[in-house]
Amino acid sequence: MEPIHLFEKVEFSKDNFVPKQIHIGDAGAAVLISFEPGQTMPPHPHPGALEVILYGVDGEGALVIGDEEKPFKKGDLVFCKGEVPIGPKNPGQGRFVVLVTLVLKQLVSKVG
């Protein structure tokens, strides 16, 4: 398998945040989400995922995790349970890019 260059996948739109599917496999999925200033993804759970892993690829923004909002920036990494509502947002002035990786429940049942 060839390496994936995330910065080549980044795409922005003034109208809405842009999710780009990076990978879907038996073990999980990865989505790169790009936000212009002011764009927000409503918090939502991922019921098919055991865990959701978020990585700050570029810029600064925030994550709504359950009932809390936390700052989130390039280089930050967060692990959440799939049933916890999460929503990245960009309240700042610059662009913000997040990589979301889902670890699927069916993988764990196959391994365990």
PDB file of N, CA and C in Angstrom:
ATOM      1  N   MET A   1       0.836  -1.180   0.000  1.00  0.00           N
ATOM      2  CA  MET A   1       0.000   0.000   0.000  1.00  0.00           C
ATOM      3  C   MET A   1       0.884   1.248   0.000  1.00  0.00           C
ATOM      4  N   GLU A   2       0.493   2.213  -0.766  1.00  0.00           N
ATOM      5  CA  GLU A   2       1.236   3.471  -0.870  1.00  0.00           C
ATOM      6  C   GLU A   2       0.836   4.429   0.259  1.00  0.00           C
ATOM      7  N   PRO A   3       1.757   5.277   0.707  1.00  0.00           N
ATOM      8  CA  PRO A   3       1.409   6.279   1.718  1.00  0.00           C
ATOM      9  C   PRO A   3       0.357   7.253   1.177  1.00  0.00           C
ATOM     10  N   ILE A   4      -0.449   7.750   2.064  1.00  0.00           N
ATOM     11  CA  ILE A   4      -1.452   8.759   1.717  1.00  0.00           C
ATOM     12  C   ILE A   4      -0.923  10.107   2.192  1.00  0.00           C
ATOM     13  N   HIS A   5      -0.862  11.066   1.312  1.00  0.00           N
ATOM     14  CA  HIS A   5      -0.398  12.403   1.649  1.00  0.00           C
ATOM     15  C   HIS A   5      -1.622  13.264   1.966  1.00  0.00           C
ATOM     16  N   LEU A   6      -1.875  13.458   3.258  1.00  0.00           N
ATOM     17  CA  LEU A   6      -3.101  14.126   3.693  1.00  0.00           C
ATOM     18  C   LEU A   6      -3.265  15.520   3.105  1.00  0.00           C
ATOM     19  N   PHE A   7      -2.173  16.281   3.028  1.00  0.00           N
ATOM     20  CA  PHE A   7      -2.304  17.656   2.548  1.00  0.00           C
ATOM     21  C   PHE A   7      -2.730  17.724   1.081  1.00  0.00           C
ATOM     22  N   GLU A   8      -2.526  16.646   0.332  1.00  0.00           N
ATOM     23  CA  GLU A   8      -3.016  16.598  -1.052  1.00  0.00           C
ATOM     24  C   GLU A   8      -4.522  16.356  -1.098  1.00  0.00           C
ATOM     25  N   LYS A   9      -5.102  15.874  -0.003  1.00  0.00           N
ATOM     26  CA  LYS A   9      -6.535  15.562   0.060  1.00  0.00           C
ATOM     27  C   LYS A   9      -7.364  16.720   0.610  1.00  0.00           C
ATOM     28  N   VAL A  10      -6.710  17.693   1.212  1.00  0.00           N
ATOM     29  CA  VAL A  10      -7.425  18.810   1.837  1.00  0.00           C
ATOM     30  C   VAL A  10      -8.151  19.625   0.780  1.00  0.00           C
ATOM     31  N   GLU A  11      -9.410  19.914   1.064  1.00  0.00           N
ATOM     32  CA  GLU A  11     -10.232  20.731   0.163  1.00  0.00           C
ATOM     33  C   GLU A  11     -11.159  21.583   1.020  1.00  0.00           C
ATOM     34  N   PHE A  12     -11.279  22.856   0.676  1.00  0.00           N
ATOM     35  CA  PHE A  12     -12.117  23.777   1.441  1.00  0.00           C
ATOM     36  C   PHE A  12     -13.264  24.287   0.584  1.00  0.00           C
ATOM     37  N   SER A  13     -14.344  24.678   1.254  1.00  0.00           N
ATOM     38  CA  SER A  13     -15.486  25.305   0.592  1.00  0.00           C
ATOM     39  C   SER A  13     -16.009  26.403   1.508  1.00  0.00           C
ATOM     40  N   LYS A  14     -16.346  27.537   0.937  1.00  0.00           N
ATOM     41  CA  LYS A  14     -16.921  28.630   1.726  1.00  0.00           C
ATOM     42  C   LYS A  14     -18.318  28.273   2.225  1.00  0.00           C
ATOM     43  N   ASP A  15     -18.989  27.315   1.551  1.00  0.00           N
ATOM     44  CA  ASP A  15     -20.373  26.978   1.877  1.00  0.00           C
ATOM     45  C   ASP A  15     -20.507  26.057   3.085  1.00  0.00           C
ATOM     46  N   ASN A  16     -19.580  25.110   3.248  1.00  0.00           N
ATOM     47  CA  ASN A  16     -19.711  24.114   4.306  1.00  0.00           C
ATOM     48  C   ASN A  16     -18.362  23.426   4.520  1.00  0.00           C
ATOM     49  N   PHE A  17     -18.203  22.779   5.683  1.00  0.00           N
ATOM     50  CA  PHE A  17     -16.998  21.977   5.903  1.00  0.00           C
ATOM     51  C   PHE A  17     -16.957  20.864   4.855  1.00  0.00           C
ATOM     52  N   VAL A  18     -15.750  20.370   4.553  1.00  0.00           N
ATOM     53  CA  VAL A  18     -15.592  19.366   3.492  1.00  0.00           C
ATOM     54  C   VAL A  18     -15.019  18.074   4.082  1.00  0.00           C
ATOM     55  N   PRO A  19     -15.832  16.994   4.134  1.00  0.00           N
ATOM     56  CA  PRO A  19     -15.307  15.695   4.542  1.00  0.00           C
ATOM     57  C   PRO A  19     -14.790  14.927   3.323  1.00  0.00           C
ATOM     58  N   LYS A  20     -13.595  14.379   3.433  1.00  0.00           N
ATOM     59  CA  LYS A  20     -13.014  13.575   2.348  1.00  0.00           C
ATOM     60  C   LYS A  20     -12.701  12.190   2.900  1.00  0.00           C
ATOM     61  N   GLN A  21     -13.313  11.191   2.311  1.00  0.00           N
ATOM     62  CA  GLN A  21     -13.061   9.812   2.724  1.00  0.00           C
ATOM     63  C   GLN A  21     -11.634   9.439   2.341  1.00  0.00           C
ATOM     64  N   ILE A  22     -10.838   9.040   3.325  1.00  0.00           N
ATOM     65  CA  ILE A  22      -9.449   8.674   3.097  1.00  0.00           C
ATOM     66  C   ILE A  22      -9.304   7.162   2.978  1.00  0.00           C
ATOM     67  N   HIS A  23     -10.047   6.442   3.812  1.00  0.00           N
ATOM     68  CA  HIS A  23      -9.926   4.977   3.823  1.00  0.00           C
ATOM     69  C   HIS A  23     -11.180   4.356   4.427  1.00  0.00           C
ATOM     70  N   ILE A  24     -11.616   3.245   3.850  1.00  0.00           N
ATOM     71  CA  ILE A  24     -12.639   2.393   4.457  1.00  0.00           C
ATOM     72  C   ILE A  24     -12.139   0.969   4.336  1.00  0.00           C
ATOM     73  N   GLY A  25     -12.118   0.262   5.454  1.00  0.00           N
ATOM     74  CA  GLY A  25     -11.645  -1.117   5.450  1.00  0.00           C
ATOM     75  C   GLY A  25     -12.375  -1.937   6.491  1.00  0.00           C
ATOM     76  N   ASP A  26     -11.965  -3.171   6.656  1.00  0.00           N
ATOM     77  CA  ASP A  26     -12.589  -4.051   7.637  1.00  0.00           C
ATOM     78  C   ASP A  26     -12.381  -3.556   9.065  1.00  0.00           C
ATOM     79  N   ALA A  27     -11.252  -2.908   9.308  1.00  0.00           N
ATOM     80  CA  ALA A  27     -10.900  -2.480  10.659  1.00  0.00           C
ATOM     81  C   ALA A  27     -11.507  -1.141  11.043  1.00  0.00           C
ATOM     82  N   GLY A  28     -11.819  -0.312  10.070  1.00  0.00           N
ATOM     83  CA  GLY A  28     -12.330   1.008  10.390  1.00  0.00           C
ATOM     84  C   GLY A  28     -12.348   1.912   9.180  1.00  0.00           C
ATOM     85  N   ALA A  29     -12.463   3.194   9.462  1.00  0.00           N
ATOM     86  CA  ALA A  29     -12.539   4.187   8.399  1.00  0.00           C
ATOM     87  C   ALA A  29     -11.813   5.448   8.842  1.00  0.00           C
ATOM     88  N   ALA A  30     -11.340   6.224   7.867  1.00  0.00           N
ATOM     89  CA  ALA A  30     -10.683   7.495   8.146  1.00  0.00           C
ATOM     90  C   ALA A  30     -11.256   8.564   7.221  1.00  0.00           C
ATOM     91  N   VAL A  31     -11.574   9.718   7.816  1.00  0.00           N
ATOM     92  CA  VAL A  31     -12.144  10.838   7.071  1.00  0.00           C
ATOM     93  C   VAL A  31     -11.364  12.099   7.435  1.00  0.00           C
ATOM     94  N   LEU A  32     -10.961  12.859   6.433  1.00  0.00           N
ATOM     95  CA  LEU A  32     -10.289  14.137   6.620  1.00  0.00           C
ATOM     96  C   LEU A  32     -11.345  15.228   6.478  1.00  0.00           C
ATOM     97  N   ILE A  33     -11.469  16.088   7.494  1.00  0.00           N
ATOM     98  CA  ILE A  33     -12.510  17.118   7.468  1.00  0.00           C
ATOM     99  C   ILE A  33     -11.847  18.484   7.538  1.00  0.00           C
ATOM    100  N   SER A  34     -12.179  19.353   6.573  1.00  0.00           N
ATOM    101  CA  SER A  34     -11.572  20.679   6.463  1.00  0.00           C
ATOM    102  C   SER A  34     -12.622  21.748   6.728  1.00  0.00           C
ATOM    103  N   PHE A  35     -12.269  22.710   7.589  1.00  0.00           N
ATOM    104  CA  PHE A  35     -13.194  23.758   8.018  1.00  0.00           C
ATOM    105  C   PHE A  35     -12.630  25.139   7.698  1.00  0.00           C
ATOM    106  N   GLU A  36     -13.438  25.951   7.071  1.00  0.00           N
ATOM    107  CA  GLU A  36     -13.141  27.379   6.962  1.00  0.00           C
ATOM    108  C   GLU A  36     -13.551  28.030   8.291  1.00  0.00           C
ATOM    109  N   PRO A  37     -13.090  29.249   8.567  1.00  0.00           N
ATOM    110  CA  PRO A  37     -13.509  29.930   9.788  1.00  0.00           C
ATOM    111  C   PRO A  37     -15.041  29.994   9.900  1.00  0.00           C
ATOM    112  N   GLY A  38     -15.536  29.708  11.111  1.00  0.00           N
ATOM    113  CA  GLY A  38     -16.971  29.783  11.381  1.00  0.00           C
ATOM    114  C   GLY A  38     -17.753  28.513  11.081  1.00  0.00           C
ATOM    115  N   GLN A  39     -17.145  27.543  10.434  1.00  0.00           N
ATOM    116  CA  GLN A  39     -17.876  26.314  10.089  1.00  0.00           C
ATOM    117  C   GLN A  39     -17.880  25.337  11.266  1.00  0.00           C
ATOM    118  N   THR A  40     -19.006  24.621  11.396  1.00  0.00           N
ATOM    119  CA  THR A  40     -19.236  23.725  12.524  1.00  0.00           C
ATOM    120  C   THR A  40     -19.879  22.436  12.055  1.00  0.00           C
ATOM    121  N   MET A  41     -19.443  21.321  12.599  1.00  0.00           N
ATOM    122  CA  MET A  41     -20.119  20.041  12.393  1.00  0.00           C
ATOM    123  C   MET A  41     -20.934  19.773  13.659  1.00  0.00           C
ATOM    124  N   PRO A  42     -22.243  19.581  13.535  1.00  0.00           N
ATOM    125  CA  PRO A  42     -23.047  19.315  14.731  1.00  0.00           C
ATOM    126  C   PRO A  42     -22.550  18.053  15.453  1.00  0.00           C
ATOM    127  N   PRO A  43     -22.486  18.089  16.787  1.00  0.00           N
ATOM    128  CA  PRO A  43     -22.062  16.905  17.532  1.00  0.00           C
ATOM    129  C   PRO A  43     -22.985  15.719  17.249  1.00  0.00           C
ATOM    130  N   HIS A  44     -22.382  14.552  17.068  1.00  0.00           N
ATOM    131  CA  HIS A  44     -23.151  13.348  16.770  1.00  0.00           C
ATOM    132  C   HIS A  44     -22.359  12.120  17.220  1.00  0.00           C
ATOM    133  N   PRO A  45     -23.072  11.046  17.624  1.00  0.00           N
ATOM    134  CA  PRO A  45     -22.388   9.812  18.009  1.00  0.00           C
ATOM    135  C   PRO A  45     -22.043   8.976  16.786  1.00  0.00           C
ATOM    136  N   HIS A  46     -21.228   7.987  16.989  1.00  0.00           N
ATOM    137  CA  HIS A  46     -20.843   7.033  15.941  1.00  0.00           C
ATOM    138  C   HIS A  46     -21.149   5.635  16.477  1.00  0.00           C
ATOM    139  N   PRO A  47     -22.418   5.220  16.418  1.00  0.00           N
ATOM    140  CA  PRO A  47     -22.842   3.975  17.071  1.00  0.00           C
ATOM    141  C   PRO A  47     -22.163   2.714  16.546  1.00  0.00           C
ATOM    142  N   GLY A  48     -21.667   2.706  15.329  1.00  0.00           N
ATOM    143  CA  GLY A  48     -20.978   1.528  14.795  1.00  0.00           C
ATOM    144  C   GLY A  48     -19.516   1.462  15.183  1.00  0.00           C
ATOM    145  N   ALA A  49     -19.038   2.508  15.869  1.00  0.00           N
ATOM    146  CA  ALA A  49     -17.619   2.574  16.236  1.00  0.00           C
ATOM    147  C   ALA A  49     -17.426   2.301  17.722  1.00  0.00           C
ATOM    148  N   LEU A  50     -16.433   1.511  18.022  1.00  0.00           N
ATOM    149  CA  LEU A  50     -16.045   1.299  19.411  1.00  0.00           C
ATOM    150  C   LEU A  50     -15.327   2.549  19.916  1.00  0.00           C
ATOM    151  N   GLU A  51     -14.461   3.097  19.058  1.00  0.00           N
ATOM    152  CA  GLU A  51     -13.690   4.272  19.409  1.00  0.00           C
ATOM    153  C   GLU A  51     -13.585   5.202  18.210  1.00  0.00           C
ATOM    154  N   VAL A  52     -13.528   6.500  18.507  1.00  0.00           N
ATOM    155  CA  VAL A  52     -13.312   7.522  17.491  1.00  0.00           C
ATOM    156  C   VAL A  52     -12.025   8.248  17.886  1.00  0.00           C
ATOM    157  N   ILE A  53     -11.095   8.331  16.940  1.00  0.00           N
ATOM    158  CA  ILE A  53      -9.808   8.968  17.200  1.00  0.00           C
ATOM    159  C   ILE A  53      -9.725  10.212  16.325  1.00  0.00           C
ATOM    160  N   LEU A  54      -9.477  11.356  16.942  1.00  0.00           N
ATOM    161  CA  LEU A  54      -9.378  12.617  16.211  1.00  0.00           C
ATOM    162  C   LEU A  54      -7.960  13.157  16.336  1.00  0.00           C
ATOM    163  N   TYR A  55      -7.411  13.584  15.197  1.00  0.00           N
ATOM    164  CA  TYR A  55      -6.058  14.129  15.155  1.00  0.00           C
ATOM    165  C   TYR A  55      -6.093  15.488  14.463  1.00  0.00           C
ATOM    166  N   GLY A  56      -5.498  16.493  15.103  1.00  0.00           N
ATOM    167  CA  GLY A  56      -5.418  17.826  14.517  1.00  0.00           C
ATOM    168  C   GLY A  56      -4.325  17.876  13.463  1.00  0.00           C
ATOM    169  N   VAL A  57      -4.720  17.961  12.199  1.00  0.00           N
ATOM    170  CA  VAL A  57      -3.767  17.953  11.084  1.00  0.00           C
ATOM    171  C   VAL A  57      -3.185  19.340  10.845  1.00  0.00           C
ATOM    172  N   ASP A  58      -4.040  20.365  10.930  1.00  0.00           N
ATOM    173  CA  ASP A  58      -3.573  21.719  10.642  1.00  0.00           C
ATOM    174  C   ASP A  58      -4.505  22.735  11.284  1.00  0.00           C
ATOM    175  N   GLY A  59      -3.948  23.847  11.707  1.00  0.00           N
ATOM    176  CA  GLY A  59      -4.741  24.945  12.233  1.00  0.00           C
ATOM    177  C   GLY A  59      -5.187  24.734  13.671  1.00  0.00           C
ATOM    178  N   GLU A  60      -6.139  25.592  14.079  1.00  0.00           N
ATOM    179  CA  GLU A  60      -6.695  25.545  15.428  1.00  0.00           C
ATOM    180  C   GLU A  60      -8.202  25.626  15.341  1.00  0.00           C
ATOM    181  N   GLY A  61      -8.865  24.899  16.231  1.00  0.00           N
ATOM    182  CA  GLY A  61     -10.318  24.915  16.292  1.00  0.00           C
ATOM    183  C   GLY A  61     -10.761  24.466  17.662  1.00  0.00           C
ATOM    184  N   ALA A  62     -11.871  23.738  17.694  1.00  0.00           N
ATOM    185  CA  ALA A  62     -12.409  23.231  18.951  1.00  0.00           C
ATOM    186  C   ALA A  62     -13.123  21.921  18.683  1.00  0.00           C
ATOM    187  N   LEU A  63     -13.267  21.126  19.749  1.00  0.00           N
ATOM    188  CA  LEU A  63     -14.049  19.897  19.684  1.00  0.00           C
ATOM    189  C   LEU A  63     -15.138  19.973  20.738  1.00  0.00           C
ATOM    190  N   VAL A  64     -16.359  19.679  20.327  1.00  0.00           N
ATOM    191  CA  VAL A  64     -17.423  19.464  21.289  1.00  0.00           C
ATOM    192  C   VAL A  64     -17.431  17.958  21.538  1.00  0.00           C
ATOM    193  N   ILE A  65     -17.212  17.576  22.789  1.00  0.00           N
ATOM    194  CA  ILE A  65     -17.189  16.167  23.189  1.00  0.00           C
ATOM    195  C   ILE A  65     -18.213  16.012  24.303  1.00  0.00           C
ATOM    196  N   GLY A  66     -19.328  15.350  24.001  1.00  0.00           N
ATOM    197  CA  GLY A  66     -20.414  15.275  24.972  1.00  0.00           C
ATOM    198  C   GLY A  66     -20.939  16.672  25.226  1.00  0.00           C
ATOM    199  N   ASP A  67     -20.877  17.115  26.486  1.00  0.00           N
ATOM    200  CA  ASP A  67     -21.368  18.447  26.860  1.00  0.00           C
ATOM    201  C   ASP A  67     -20.251  19.476  26.987  1.00  0.00           C
ATOM    202  N   GLU A  68     -19.028  19.093  26.667  1.00  0.00           N
ATOM    203  CA  GLU A  68     -17.889  19.995  26.836  1.00  0.00           C
ATOM    204  C   GLU A  68     -17.316  20.446  25.497  1.00  0.00           C
ATOM    205  N   GLU A  69     -16.819  21.675  25.478  1.00  0.00           N
ATOM    206  CA  GLU A  69     -16.080  22.166  24.317  1.00  0.00           C
ATOM    207  C   GLU A  69     -14.635  22.381  24.740  1.00  0.00           C
ATOM    208  N   LYS A  70     -13.707  21.833  23.948  1.00  0.00           N
ATOM    209  CA  LYS A  70     -12.284  21.928  24.282  1.00  0.00           C
ATOM    210  C   LYS A  70     -11.510  22.476  23.087  1.00  0.00           C
ATOM    211  N   PRO A  71     -10.488  23.296  23.330  1.00  0.00           N
ATOM    212  CA  PRO A  71      -9.628  23.740  22.228  1.00  0.00           C
ATOM    213  C   PRO A  71      -8.936  22.533  21.600  1.00  0.00           C
ATOM    214  N   PHE A  72      -8.696  22.604  20.301  1.00  0.00           N
ATOM    215  CA  PHE A  72      -8.067  21.495  19.575  1.00  0.00           C
ATOM    216  C   PHE A  72      -7.230  22.097  18.464  1.00  0.00           C
ATOM    217  N   LYS A  73      -5.961  21.691  18.374  1.00  0.00           N
ATOM    218  CA  LYS A  73      -5.063  22.302  17.392  1.00  0.00           C
ATOM    219  C   LYS A  73      -4.174  21.255  16.730  1.00  0.00           C
ATOM    220  N   LYS A  74      -3.420  21.708  15.756  1.00  0.00           N
ATOM    221  CA  LYS A  74      -2.470  20.852  15.033  1.00  0.00           C
ATOM    222  C   LYS A  74      -1.616  20.072  16.031  1.00  0.00           C
ATOM    223  N   GLY A  75      -1.551  18.746  15.828  1.00  0.00           N
ATOM    224  CA  GLY A  75      -0.753  17.888  16.687  1.00  0.00           C
ATOM    225  C   GLY A  75      -1.509  17.282  17.853  1.00  0.00           C
ATOM    226  N   ASP A  76      -2.721  17.780  18.151  1.00  0.00           N
ATOM    227  CA  ASP A  76      -3.512  17.219  19.244  1.00  0.00           C
ATOM    228  C   ASP A  76      -4.149  15.901  18.822  1.00  0.00           C
ATOM    229  N   LEU A  77      -4.349  15.017  19.797  1.00  0.00           N
ATOM    230  CA  LEU A  77      -4.926  13.699  19.562  1.00  0.00           C
ATOM    231  C   LEU A  77      -5.924  13.410  20.674  1.00  0.00           C
ATOM    232  N   VAL A  78      -7.127  12.951  20.299  1.00  0.00           N
ATOM    233  CA  VAL A  78      -8.179  12.648  21.270  1.00  0.00           C
ATOM    234  C   VAL A  78      -8.791  11.297  20.930  1.00  0.00           C
ATOM    235  N   PHE A  79      -9.059  10.507  21.967  1.00  0.00           N
ATOM    236  CA  PHE A  79      -9.746   9.221  21.827  1.00  0.00           C
ATOM    237  C   PHE A  79     -11.094   9.333  22.523  1.00  0.00           C
ATOM    238  N   CYS A  80     -12.177   8.971  21.829  1.00  0.00           N
ATOM    239  CA  CYS A  80     -13.532   9.026  22.389  1.00  0.00           C
ATOM    240  C   CYS A  80     -14.244   7.705  22.142  1.00  0.00           C
ATOM    241  N   LYS A  81     -15.151   7.360  23.020  1.00  0.00           N
ATOM    242  CA  LYS A  81     -16.008   6.197  22.781  1.00  0.00           C
ATOM    243  C   LYS A  81     -16.993   6.542  21.672  1.00  0.00           C
ATOM    244  N   GLY A  82     -17.373   5.542  20.875  1.00  0.00           N
ATOM    245  CA  GLY A  82     -18.237   5.777  19.724  1.00  0.00           C
ATOM    246  C   GLY A  82     -19.594   6.354  20.057  1.00  0.00           C
ATOM    247  N   GLU A  83     -20.115   6.062  21.256  1.00  0.00           N
ATOM    248  CA  GLU A  83     -21.454   6.550  21.604  1.00  0.00           C
ATOM    249  C   GLU A  83     -21.464   7.997  22.103  1.00  0.00           C
ATOM    250  N   VAL A  84     -20.283   8.570  22.344  1.00  0.00           N
ATOM    251  CA  VAL A  84     -20.204   9.956  22.819  1.00  0.00           C
ATOM    252  C   VAL A  84     -20.353  10.904  21.631  1.00  0.00           C
ATOM    253  N   PRO A  85     -21.300  11.854  21.694  1.00  0.00           N
ATOM    254  CA  PRO A  85     -21.426  12.822  20.596  1.00  0.00           C
ATOM    255  C   PRO A  85     -20.176  13.707  20.504  1.00  0.00           C
ATOM    256  N   ILE A  86     -19.645  13.827  19.294  1.00  0.00           N
ATOM    257  CA  ILE A  86     -18.495  14.703  19.062  1.00  0.00           C
ATOM    258  C   ILE A  86     -18.765  15.572  17.836  1.00  0.00           C
ATOM    259  N   GLY A  87     -18.196  16.762  17.845  1.00  0.00           N
ATOM    260  CA  GLY A  87     -18.356  17.661  16.712  1.00  0.00           C
ATOM    261  C   GLY A  87     -17.219  18.658  16.649  1.00  0.00           C
ATOM    262  N   PRO A  88     -16.356  18.563  15.640  1.00  0.00           N
ATOM    263  CA  PRO A  88     -15.323  19.581  15.451  1.00  0.00           C
ATOM    264  C   PRO A  88     -15.948  20.887  14.959  1.00  0.00           C
ATOM    265  N   LYS A  89     -15.294  21.984  15.282  1.00  0.00           N
ATOM    266  CA  LYS A  89     -15.768  23.291  14.804  1.00  0.00           C
ATOM    267  C   LYS A  89     -14.585  24.238  14.690  1.00  0.00           C
ATOM    268  N   ASN A  90     -14.795  25.280  13.910  1.00  0.00           N
ATOM    269  CA  ASN A  90     -13.736  26.263  13.712  1.00  0.00           C
ATOM    270  C   ASN A  90     -14.240  27.653  14.089  1.00  0.00           C
ATOM    271  N   PRO A  91     -14.094  28.022  15.365  1.00  0.00           N
ATOM    272  CA  PRO A  91     -14.512  29.355  15.780  1.00  0.00           C
ATOM    273  C   PRO A  91     -13.458  30.428  15.497  1.00  0.00           C
ATOM    274  N   GLY A  92     -12.294  30.025  14.993  1.00  0.00           N
ATOM    275  CA  GLY A  92     -11.176  30.943  14.799  1.00  0.00           C
ATOM    276  C   GLY A  92     -11.187  31.670  13.469  1.00  0.00           C
ATOM    277  N   GLN A  93     -10.055  32.291  13.162  1.00  0.00           N
ATOM    278  CA  GLN A  93      -9.903  33.095  11.946  1.00  0.00           C
ATOM    279  C   GLN A  93      -9.207  32.350  10.814  1.00  0.00           C
ATOM    280  N   GLY A  94      -8.478  31.276  11.136  1.00  0.00           N
ATOM    281  CA  GLY A  94      -7.754  30.515  10.121  1.00  0.00           C
ATOM    282  C   GLY A  94      -8.460  29.212   9.790  1.00  0.00           C
ATOM    283  N   ARG A  95      -7.906  28.481   8.859  1.00  0.00           N
ATOM    284  CA  ARG A  95      -8.470  27.184   8.471  1.00  0.00           C
ATOM    285  C   ARG A  95      -8.101  26.117   9.510  1.00  0.00           C
ATOM    286  N   PHE A  96      -8.909  25.036   9.532  1.00  0.00           N
ATOM    287  CA  PHE A  96      -8.762  23.975  10.525  1.00  0.00           C
ATOM    288  C   PHE A  96      -9.020  22.639   9.840  1.00  0.00           C
ATOM    289  N   VAL A  97      -8.114  21.663  10.043  1.00  0.00           N
ATOM    290  CA  VAL A  97      -8.243  20.345   9.408  1.00  0.00           C
ATOM    291  C   VAL A  97      -8.088  19.256  10.470  1.00  0.00           C
ATOM    292  N   VAL A  98      -9.020  18.300  10.465  1.00  0.00           N
ATOM    293  CA  VAL A  98      -9.047  17.211  11.439  1.00  0.00           C
ATOM    294  C   VAL A  98      -9.118  15.874  10.704  1.00  0.00           C
ATOM    295  N   LEU A  99      -8.354  14.893  11.170  1.00  0.00           N
ATOM    296  CA  LEU A  99      -8.462  13.524  10.679  1.00  0.00           C
ATOM    297  C   LEU A  99      -9.244  12.724  11.715  1.00  0.00           C
ATOM    298  N   VAL A 100     -10.345  12.110  11.279  1.00  0.00           N
ATOM    299  CA  VAL A 100     -11.186  11.297  12.158  1.00  0.00           C
ATOM    300  C   VAL A 100     -11.040   9.838  11.735  1.00  0.00           C
ATOM    301  N   THR A 101     -10.656   8.991  12.688  1.00  0.00           N
ATOM    302  CA  THR A 101     -10.519   7.560  12.430  1.00  0.00           C
ATOM    303  C   THR A 101     -11.496   6.807  13.319  1.00  0.00           C
ATOM    304  N   LEU A 102     -12.276   5.924  12.708  1.00  0.00           N
ATOM    305  CA  LEU A 102     -13.250   5.119  13.443  1.00  0.00           C
ATOM    306  C   LEU A 102     -12.720   3.693  13.577  1.00  0.00           C
ATOM    307  N   VAL A 103     -12.703   3.177  14.796  1.00  0.00           N
ATOM    308  CA  VAL A 103     -12.369   1.775  15.044  1.00  0.00           C
ATOM    309  C   VAL A 103     -13.701   1.049  15.190  1.00  0.00           C
ATOM    310  N   LEU A 104     -13.995   0.171  14.248  1.00  0.00           N
ATOM    311  CA  LEU A 104     -15.311  -0.459  14.203  1.00  0.00           C
ATOM    312  C   LEU A 104     -15.461  -1.567  15.236  1.00  0.00           C
ATOM    313  N   LYS A 105     -16.670  -1.683  15.784  1.00  0.00           N
ATOM    314  CA  LYS A 105     -16.963  -2.710  16.788  1.00  0.00           C
ATOM    315  C   LYS A 105     -16.754  -4.105  16.235  1.00  0.00           C
ATOM    316  N   GLN A 106     -17.082  -4.312  14.965  1.00  0.00           N
ATOM    317  CA  GLN A 106     -16.958  -5.657  14.403  1.00  0.00           C
ATOM    318  C   GLN A 106     -15.512  -6.133  14.384  1.00  0.00           C
ATOM    319  N   LEU A 107     -14.537  -5.206  14.312  1.00  0.00           N
ATOM    320  CA  LEU A 107     -13.129  -5.605  14.365  1.00  0.00           C
ATOM    321  C   LEU A 107     -12.819  -6.240  15.711  1.00  0.00           C
ATOM    322  N   VAL A 108     -13.283  -5.608  16.774  1.00  0.00           N
ATOM    323  CA  VAL A 108     -12.998  -6.099  18.116  1.00  0.00           C
ATOM    324  C   VAL A 108     -13.622  -7.472  18.326  1.00  0.00           C
ATOM    325  N   SER A 109     -14.826  -7.676  17.819  1.00  0.00           N
ATOM    326  CA  SER A 109     -15.467  -8.980  17.987  1.00  0.00           C
ATOM    327  C   SER A 109     -14.731 -10.059  17.188  1.00  0.00           C
ATOM    328  N   LYS A 110     -14.094  -9.692  16.071  1.00  0.00           N
ATOM    329  CA  LYS A 110     -13.319 -10.662  15.287  1.00  0.00           C
ATOM    330  C   LYS A 110     -12.025 -11.037  16.003  1.00  0.00           C
ATOM    331  N   VAL A 111     -11.409 -10.047  16.650  1.00  0.00           N
ATOM    332  CA  VAL A 111     -10.129 -10.269  17.313  1.00  0.00           C
ATOM    333  C   VAL A 111     -10.328 -11.004  18.640  1.00  0.00           C
ATOM    334  N   GLY A 112     -11.372 -10.618  19.392  1.00  0.00           N
ATOM    335  CA  GLY A 112     -11.595 -11.140  20.746  1.00  0.00           C
ATOM    336  C   GLY A 112     -12.172 -12.469  20.818  1.00  0.00           C
TER     337      GLY A 112
END
